[in-house]
Amino acid sequence: MSDGRTIAIGDIHGCCESLQTLLAMLEPCADDTLVMLGDAIDRGPDSHGVIEQLLAIQQQCQLVPLLGNHEQMLLDVVDKRMPLQDWLIHGGAETLDSYGKDAVVSAIPEAHLEFVRSWGDYHEIESHFFAHGNYLPERRFIDQPWDQMRWRSLRYFQPKPHTSGKIAVVGHTSNKQGKTVNLGHLVCIDTYCYGGGWLTAFEPATGHLWQSSEHGEADESELPPAR
């Protein structure tokens, strides 16, 4: 069994500089598992660079990328299940810009699209489980309607503890003050990086937090007490 760390990374949203700083702080090695909670793309300045970094980090450690609602929108556009404009107004325009001036969807390399298609819905370890946005507390992980739960904000639906007894680690619901939210049975680490906050990494086993910003700032702290 691996003795490495399991570390979750919150919503990156195209913040390539923040991701680079965060990875330098984490210094992941082959035994470590990084769980990327989804919404790696859209809104921020360099989604192309983020995808390239995620592809590269697979050579250093075990990467478990999860699908966010923004990746779902991209794939829905590519598969013609969603009008292009619906994605563009929710951050897709910034993603296309990162692939070149006046870029269109076909400018996104097939290797990037296939990489995103490989991302999962959830990940679990003995004590915690990881998902992008939300969950139904009474349903097994395999039976969750993940395509819907990717979209459900904690502002409108705050789930009770999961029947498994495991603690949830999620993103999606951004905290505009850049703070990690700890409800005891749920930890949310979307700390609004693209909007001037932080990109957050969280190690469940220790409660340690690493944070970086697009301004080159870096910080470390511990998970705040449950509220």
C-alpha atoms as a PDB file:
ATOM      1  CA  MET A   1       0.000   0.000   0.000  1.00  0.00           C
ATOM      2  CA  SER A   2       1.261   3.481  -0.860  1.00  0.00           C
ATOM      3  CA  ASP A   3       2.580   5.624   1.980  1.00  0.00           C
ATOM      4  CA  GLY A   4       2.132   8.756  -0.099  1.00  0.00           C
ATOM      5  CA  ARG A   5      -0.096  11.712   0.560  1.00  0.00           C
ATOM      6  CA  THR A   6      -3.600  12.253  -0.813  1.00  0.00           C
ATOM      7  CA  ILE A   7      -4.126  15.940  -1.545  1.00  0.00           C
ATOM      8  CA  ALA A   8      -7.175  17.630  -3.090  1.00  0.00           C
ATOM      9  CA  ILE A   9      -6.848  20.704  -5.327  1.00  0.00           C
ATOM     10  CA  GLY A  10      -9.830  23.034  -5.677  1.00  0.00           C
ATOM     11  CA  ASP A  11     -11.232  24.822  -8.717  1.00  0.00           C
ATOM     12  CA  ILE A  12      -8.332  26.109 -10.828  1.00  0.00           C
ATOM     13  CA  HIS A  13     -10.434  27.943 -13.435  1.00  0.00           C
ATOM     14  CA  GLY A  14      -7.617  28.679 -15.843  1.00  0.00           C
ATOM     15  CA  CYS A  15      -5.258  30.092 -13.199  1.00  0.00           C
ATOM     16  CA  CYS A  16      -2.086  28.564 -14.579  1.00  0.00           C
ATOM     17  CA  GLU A  17       0.317  30.718 -12.551  1.00  0.00           C
ATOM     18  CA  SER A  18      -1.431  29.777  -9.309  1.00  0.00           C
ATOM     19  CA  LEU A  19      -1.303  26.094 -10.204  1.00  0.00           C
ATOM     20  CA  GLN A  20       2.401  26.296 -10.982  1.00  0.00           C
ATOM     21  CA  THR A  21       3.076  27.976  -7.626  1.00  0.00           C
ATOM     22  CA  LEU A  22       0.925  25.450  -5.775  1.00  0.00           C
ATOM     23  CA  LEU A  23       2.648  22.449  -7.360  1.00  0.00           C
ATOM     24  CA  ALA A  24       6.034  23.908  -6.449  1.00  0.00           C
ATOM     25  CA  MET A  25       4.836  24.124  -2.837  1.00  0.00           C
ATOM     26  CA  LEU A  26       3.475  20.576  -2.821  1.00  0.00           C
ATOM     27  CA  GLU A  27       6.478  18.959  -4.524  1.00  0.00           C
ATOM     28  CA  PRO A  28       4.452  15.818  -5.360  1.00  0.00           C
ATOM     29  CA  CYS A  29       6.319  12.539  -5.691  1.00  0.00           C
ATOM     30  CA  ALA A  30       5.454   9.188  -7.246  1.00  0.00           C
ATOM     31  CA  ASP A  31       3.614   7.874  -4.164  1.00  0.00           C
ATOM     32  CA  ASP A  32       1.409  10.952  -3.813  1.00  0.00           C
ATOM     33  CA  THR A  33      -2.148  11.194  -5.164  1.00  0.00           C
ATOM     34  CA  LEU A  34      -3.447  14.579  -6.300  1.00  0.00           C
ATOM     35  CA  VAL A  35      -7.226  14.742  -6.633  1.00  0.00           C
ATOM     36  CA  MET A  36      -8.192  17.670  -8.857  1.00  0.00           C
ATOM     37  CA  LEU A  37     -11.803  18.524  -8.002  1.00  0.00           C
ATOM     38  CA  GLY A  38     -12.901  19.811 -11.411  1.00  0.00           C
ATOM     39  CA  ASP A  39     -13.426  23.201 -13.075  1.00  0.00           C
ATOM     40  CA  ALA A  40      -9.812  23.333 -14.146  1.00  0.00           C
ATOM     41  CA  ILE A  41     -10.885  25.434 -17.135  1.00  0.00           C
ATOM     42  CA  ASP A  42     -12.901  28.591 -17.961  1.00  0.00           C
ATOM     43  CA  ARG A  43     -13.037  32.107 -16.527  1.00  0.00           C
ATOM     44  CA  GLY A  44      -9.294  32.498 -15.779  1.00  0.00           C
ATOM     45  CA  PRO A  45      -6.562  33.518 -18.241  1.00  0.00           C
ATOM     46  CA  ASP A  46      -4.848  30.264 -19.271  1.00  0.00           C
ATOM     47  CA  SER A  47      -6.940  27.085 -19.387  1.00  0.00           C
ATOM     48  CA  HIS A  48      -4.630  25.755 -22.117  1.00  0.00           C
ATOM     49  CA  GLY A  49      -1.668  26.066 -19.774  1.00  0.00           C
ATOM     50  CA  VAL A  50      -3.589  24.404 -16.937  1.00  0.00           C
ATOM     51  CA  ILE A  51      -4.388  21.353 -19.059  1.00  0.00           C
ATOM     52  CA  GLU A  52      -0.741  21.126 -20.130  1.00  0.00           C
ATOM     53  CA  GLN A  53       0.378  21.260 -16.489  1.00  0.00           C
ATOM     54  CA  LEU A  54      -2.093  18.556 -15.470  1.00  0.00           C
ATOM     55  CA  LEU A  55      -0.881  16.325 -18.293  1.00  0.00           C
ATOM     56  CA  ALA A  56       2.716  16.883 -17.194  1.00  0.00           C
ATOM     57  CA  ILE A  57       2.105  16.265 -13.485  1.00  0.00           C
ATOM     58  CA  GLN A  58       1.003  12.715 -14.316  1.00  0.00           C
ATOM     59  CA  GLN A  59       4.687  11.958 -14.835  1.00  0.00           C
ATOM     60  CA  GLN A  60       5.460  12.917 -11.232  1.00  0.00           C
ATOM     61  CA  CYS A  61       2.586  11.493  -9.204  1.00  0.00           C
ATOM     62  CA  GLN A  62      -0.801   9.824  -9.373  1.00  0.00           C
ATOM     63  CA  LEU A  63      -3.320  12.350 -10.701  1.00  0.00           C
ATOM     64  CA  VAL A  64      -7.050  11.781 -10.188  1.00  0.00           C
ATOM     65  CA  PRO A  65      -8.881  14.530 -12.120  1.00  0.00           C
ATOM     66  CA  LEU A  66     -12.634  14.851 -11.566  1.00  0.00           C
ATOM     67  CA  LEU A  67     -15.094  16.341 -14.010  1.00  0.00           C
ATOM     68  CA  GLY A  68     -16.557  19.734 -13.120  1.00  0.00           C
ATOM     69  CA  ASN A  69     -19.584  21.412 -14.650  1.00  0.00           C
ATOM     70  CA  HIS A  70     -17.296  23.593 -16.786  1.00  0.00           C
ATOM     71  CA  GLU A  71     -15.597  20.573 -18.336  1.00  0.00           C
ATOM     72  CA  GLN A  72     -19.050  19.076 -18.841  1.00  0.00           C
ATOM     73  CA  MET A  73     -20.087  22.204 -20.758  1.00  0.00           C
ATOM     74  CA  LEU A  74     -17.011  21.969 -22.976  1.00  0.00           C
ATOM     75  CA  LEU A  75     -17.703  18.331 -23.814  1.00  0.00           C
ATOM     76  CA  ASP A  76     -21.399  19.057 -24.365  1.00  0.00           C
ATOM     77  CA  VAL A  77     -20.455  21.736 -26.903  1.00  0.00           C
ATOM     78  CA  VAL A  78     -17.968  19.435 -28.646  1.00  0.00           C
ATOM     79  CA  ASP A  79     -20.607  16.676 -28.772  1.00  0.00           C
ATOM     80  CA  LYS A  80     -23.269  19.171 -29.928  1.00  0.00           C
ATOM     81  CA  ARG A  81     -25.458  18.708 -26.855  1.00  0.00           C
ATOM     82  CA  MET A  82     -25.179  22.399 -25.919  1.00  0.00           C
ATOM     83  CA  PRO A  83     -25.106  25.601 -27.992  1.00  0.00           C
ATOM     84  CA  LEU A  84     -21.649  27.148 -28.139  1.00  0.00           C
ATOM     85  CA  GLN A  85     -22.903  30.489 -26.810  1.00  0.00           C
ATOM     86  CA  ASP A  86     -24.131  28.883 -23.593  1.00  0.00           C
ATOM     87  CA  TRP A  87     -20.574  27.817 -22.805  1.00  0.00           C
ATOM     88  CA  LEU A  88     -18.896  31.021 -23.991  1.00  0.00           C
ATOM     89  CA  ILE A  89     -20.847  33.232 -21.592  1.00  0.00           C
ATOM     90  CA  HIS A  90     -19.883  31.010 -18.649  1.00  0.00           C
ATOM     91  CA  GLY A  91     -16.144  31.246 -19.146  1.00  0.00           C
ATOM     92  CA  GLY A  92     -15.680  29.308 -22.361  1.00  0.00           C
ATOM     93  CA  ALA A  93     -14.635  32.467 -24.204  1.00  0.00           C
ATOM     94  CA  GLU A  94     -11.579  32.797 -21.951  1.00  0.00           C
ATOM     95  CA  THR A  95     -10.737  29.147 -22.533  1.00  0.00           C
ATOM     96  CA  LEU A  96     -10.834  29.523 -26.310  1.00  0.00           C
ATOM     97  CA  ASP A  97      -8.722  32.699 -26.083  1.00  0.00           C
ATOM     98  CA  SER A  98      -6.033  30.695 -24.288  1.00  0.00           C
ATOM     99  CA  TYR A  99      -5.736  28.487 -27.399  1.00  0.00           C
ATOM    100  CA  GLY A 100      -5.098  31.486 -29.646  1.00  0.00           C
ATOM    101  CA  LYS A 101      -6.605  34.773 -30.719  1.00  0.00           C
ATOM    102  CA  ASP A 102     -10.027  34.206 -32.314  1.00  0.00           C
ATOM    103  CA  ALA A 103      -9.665  30.460 -31.690  1.00  0.00           C
ATOM    104  CA  VAL A 104     -12.635  28.184 -32.275  1.00  0.00           C
ATOM    105  CA  VAL A 105     -13.493  24.896 -30.575  1.00  0.00           C
ATOM    106  CA  SER A 106     -11.637  22.922 -33.239  1.00  0.00           C
ATOM    107  CA  ALA A 107      -8.413  24.633 -32.077  1.00  0.00           C
ATOM    108  CA  ILE A 108      -8.480  22.594 -28.868  1.00  0.00           C
ATOM    109  CA  PRO A 109      -6.129  19.619 -29.435  1.00  0.00           C
ATOM    110  CA  GLU A 110      -7.803  16.228 -29.529  1.00  0.00           C
ATOM    111  CA  ALA A 111      -5.333  15.071 -26.870  1.00  0.00           C
ATOM    112  CA  HIS A 112      -6.716  17.699 -24.491  1.00  0.00           C
ATOM    113  CA  LEU A 113     -10.306  16.682 -25.176  1.00  0.00           C
ATOM    114  CA  GLU A 114      -9.556  12.991 -24.712  1.00  0.00           C
ATOM    115  CA  PHE A 115      -7.770  13.792 -21.467  1.00  0.00           C
ATOM    116  CA  VAL A 116     -10.844  15.637 -20.171  1.00  0.00           C
ATOM    117  CA  ARG A 117     -13.102  12.781 -21.279  1.00  0.00           C
ATOM    118  CA  SER A 118     -11.077  10.451 -19.065  1.00  0.00           C
ATOM    119  CA  TRP A 119     -11.870  12.377 -15.873  1.00  0.00           C
ATOM    120  CA  GLY A 120     -14.022  10.665 -13.258  1.00  0.00           C
ATOM    121  CA  ASP A 121     -17.041  11.645 -11.175  1.00  0.00           C
ATOM    122  CA  TYR A 122     -15.742  10.933  -7.672  1.00  0.00           C
ATOM    123  CA  HIS A 123     -12.879   9.426  -5.725  1.00  0.00           C
ATOM    124  CA  GLU A 124     -12.887   7.866  -2.273  1.00  0.00           C
ATOM    125  CA  ILE A 125     -10.378   6.889   0.356  1.00  0.00           C
ATOM    126  CA  GLU A 126     -10.948   5.286   3.732  1.00  0.00           C
ATOM    127  CA  SER A 127     -11.974   8.464   5.532  1.00  0.00           C
ATOM    128  CA  HIS A 128     -13.066  10.919   2.807  1.00  0.00           C
ATOM    129  CA  PHE A 129     -14.637  11.141  -0.617  1.00  0.00           C
ATOM    130  CA  PHE A 130     -14.061  13.754  -3.286  1.00  0.00           C
ATOM    131  CA  ALA A 131     -16.516  15.222  -5.797  1.00  0.00           C
ATOM    132  CA  HIS A 132     -16.877  18.437  -7.721  1.00  0.00           C
ATOM    133  CA  GLY A 133     -19.967  20.100  -6.360  1.00  0.00           C
ATOM    134  CA  ASN A 134     -22.440  18.231  -4.208  1.00  0.00           C
ATOM    135  CA  TYR A 135     -23.974  14.852  -3.374  1.00  0.00           C
ATOM    136  CA  LEU A 136     -27.139  13.143  -2.176  1.00  0.00           C
ATOM    137  CA  PRO A 137     -26.465  11.899   1.374  1.00  0.00           C
ATOM    138  CA  GLU A 138     -28.572   8.749   1.169  1.00  0.00           C
ATOM    139  CA  ARG A 139     -27.240   7.386  -2.139  1.00  0.00           C
ATOM    140  CA  ARG A 140     -24.193   5.223  -2.731  1.00  0.00           C
ATOM    141  CA  PHE A 141     -21.428   6.945  -4.653  1.00  0.00           C
ATOM    142  CA  ILE A 142     -21.956   4.734  -7.680  1.00  0.00           C
ATOM    143  CA  ASP A 143     -25.666   5.660  -7.744  1.00  0.00           C
ATOM    144  CA  GLN A 144     -25.255   9.438  -7.482  1.00  0.00           C
ATOM    145  CA  PRO A 145     -26.576  11.562 -10.387  1.00  0.00           C
ATOM    146  CA  TRP A 146     -23.166  13.157 -10.760  1.00  0.00           C
ATOM    147  CA  ASP A 147     -24.073  15.010 -13.954  1.00  0.00           C
ATOM    148  CA  GLN A 148     -26.645  16.939 -11.890  1.00  0.00           C
ATOM    149  CA  MET A 149     -24.675  17.196  -8.658  1.00  0.00           C
ATOM    150  CA  ARG A 150     -21.798  18.882 -10.502  1.00  0.00           C
ATOM    151  CA  TRP A 151     -24.073  21.900 -10.831  1.00  0.00           C
ATOM    152  CA  ARG A 152     -25.727  22.067  -7.403  1.00  0.00           C
ATOM    153  CA  SER A 153     -24.357  24.876  -5.267  1.00  0.00           C
ATOM    154  CA  LEU A 154     -23.955  24.540  -1.517  1.00  0.00           C
ATOM    155  CA  ARG A 155     -25.714  27.908  -1.288  1.00  0.00           C
ATOM    156  CA  TYR A 156     -28.975  26.225  -2.273  1.00  0.00           C
ATOM    157  CA  PHE A 157     -28.502  22.656  -1.071  1.00  0.00           C
ATOM    158  CA  GLN A 158     -26.342  21.861   1.924  1.00  0.00           C
ATOM    159  CA  PRO A 159     -26.326  18.065   2.239  1.00  0.00           C
ATOM    160  CA  LYS A 160     -26.350  16.144   5.489  1.00  0.00           C
ATOM    161  CA  PRO A 161     -23.483  13.727   6.244  1.00  0.00           C
ATOM    162  CA  HIS A 162     -23.153  10.940   3.714  1.00  0.00           C
ATOM    163  CA  THR A 163     -24.490   7.538   4.717  1.00  0.00           C
ATOM    164  CA  SER A 164     -20.997   6.079   4.309  1.00  0.00           C
ATOM    165  CA  GLY A 165     -19.750   8.166   7.227  1.00  0.00           C
ATOM    166  CA  LYS A 166     -17.006   9.596   5.025  1.00  0.00           C
ATOM    167  CA  ILE A 167     -16.239  13.319   4.958  1.00  0.00           C
ATOM    168  CA  ALA A 168     -16.911  15.088   1.654  1.00  0.00           C
ATOM    169  CA  VAL A 169     -14.257  17.275  -0.002  1.00  0.00           C
ATOM    170  CA  VAL A 170     -15.763  19.422  -2.764  1.00  0.00           C
ATOM    171  CA  GLY A 171     -15.277  22.570  -4.812  1.00  0.00           C
ATOM    172  CA  HIS A 172     -17.739  24.397  -7.110  1.00  0.00           C
ATOM    173  CA  THR A 173     -19.252  26.798  -4.546  1.00  0.00           C
ATOM    174  CA  SER A 174     -16.740  29.623  -4.484  1.00  0.00           C
ATOM    175  CA  ASN A 175     -16.096  31.489  -1.258  1.00  0.00           C
ATOM    176  CA  LYS A 176     -15.646  35.099  -2.338  1.00  0.00           C
ATOM    177  CA  GLN A 177     -13.561  35.843   0.786  1.00  0.00           C
ATOM    178  CA  GLY A 178     -11.069  33.188  -0.306  1.00  0.00           C
ATOM    179  CA  LYS A 179     -11.711  31.053   2.773  1.00  0.00           C
ATOM    180  CA  THR A 180     -11.989  27.271   3.095  1.00  0.00           C
ATOM    181  CA  VAL A 181     -15.363  26.165   4.472  1.00  0.00           C
ATOM    182  CA  ASN A 182     -15.470  23.361   7.042  1.00  0.00           C
ATOM    183  CA  LEU A 183     -18.893  22.014   7.997  1.00  0.00           C
ATOM    184  CA  GLY A 184     -17.466  18.999   9.805  1.00  0.00           C
ATOM    185  CA  HIS A 185     -18.935  16.427   7.429  1.00  0.00           C
ATOM    186  CA  LEU A 186     -18.019  18.516   4.362  1.00  0.00           C
ATOM    187  CA  VAL A 187     -15.039  20.655   3.375  1.00  0.00           C
ATOM    188  CA  CYS A 188     -15.279  23.053   0.411  1.00  0.00           C
ATOM    189  CA  ILE A 189     -12.015  24.310  -1.062  1.00  0.00           C
ATOM    190  CA  ASP A 190     -13.187  26.527  -3.924  1.00  0.00           C
ATOM    191  CA  THR A 191     -11.575  29.734  -2.739  1.00  0.00           C
ATOM    192  CA  TYR A 192     -12.232  31.953  -5.788  1.00  0.00           C
ATOM    193  CA  CYS A 193      -8.801  31.940  -7.393  1.00  0.00           C
ATOM    194  CA  TYR A 194      -9.848  33.491 -10.713  1.00  0.00           C
ATOM    195  CA  GLY A 195     -11.684  36.297  -8.887  1.00  0.00           C
ATOM    196  CA  GLY A 196      -8.734  37.443  -6.795  1.00  0.00           C
ATOM    197  CA  GLY A 197      -8.809  34.772  -4.079  1.00  0.00           C
ATOM    198  CA  TRP A 198      -6.719  31.641  -3.665  1.00  0.00           C
ATOM    199  CA  LEU A 199      -6.148  28.272  -5.270  1.00  0.00           C
ATOM    200  CA  THR A 200      -6.299  25.803  -2.385  1.00  0.00           C
ATOM    201  CA  ALA A 201      -4.853  22.347  -1.808  1.00  0.00           C
ATOM    202  CA  PHE A 202      -5.989  20.277   1.185  1.00  0.00           C
ATOM    203  CA  GLU A 203      -4.565  17.140   2.753  1.00  0.00           C
ATOM    204  CA  PRO A 204      -7.393  15.336   4.628  1.00  0.00           C
ATOM    205  CA  ALA A 205      -5.044  13.190   6.728  1.00  0.00           C
ATOM    206  CA  THR A 206      -3.392  16.200   8.365  1.00  0.00           C
ATOM    207  CA  GLY A 207      -5.800  19.088   7.763  1.00  0.00           C
ATOM    208  CA  HIS A 208      -2.981  21.041   6.124  1.00  0.00           C
ATOM    209  CA  LEU A 209      -3.779  23.722   3.549  1.00  0.00           C
ATOM    210  CA  TRP A 210      -1.549  25.187   0.842  1.00  0.00           C
ATOM    211  CA  GLN A 211      -2.715  28.271  -1.052  1.00  0.00           C
ATOM    212  CA  SER A 212      -1.437  30.320  -3.982  1.00  0.00           C
ATOM    213  CA  SER A 213      -2.703  33.310  -5.929  1.00  0.00           C
ATOM    214  CA  GLU A 214      -2.362  34.777  -9.391  1.00  0.00           C
ATOM    215  CA  HIS A 215      -0.311  37.568  -7.820  1.00  0.00           C
ATOM    216  CA  GLY A 216       2.467  35.145  -6.868  1.00  0.00           C
ATOM    217  CA  GLU A 217       1.484  34.916  -3.206  1.00  0.00           C
ATOM    218  CA  ALA A 218       1.788  31.645  -1.296  1.00  0.00           C
ATOM    219  CA  ASP A 219       0.570  30.596   2.132  1.00  0.00           C
ATOM    220  CA  GLU A 220       0.177  27.543   4.339  1.00  0.00           C
ATOM    221  CA  SER A 221      -2.254  27.003   7.208  1.00  0.00           C
ATOM    222  CA  GLU A 222      -4.488  24.435   8.844  1.00  0.00           C
ATOM    223  CA  LEU A 223      -8.157  23.651   8.217  1.00  0.00           C
ATOM    224  CA  PRO A 224     -10.303  25.952  10.359  1.00  0.00           C
ATOM    225  CA  PRO A 225     -12.562  24.390  13.004  1.00  0.00           C
ATOM    226  CA  ALA A 226     -15.947  23.126  11.857  1.00  0.00           C
ATOM    227  CA  ARG A 227     -18.669  25.673  12.102  1.00  0.00           C
END
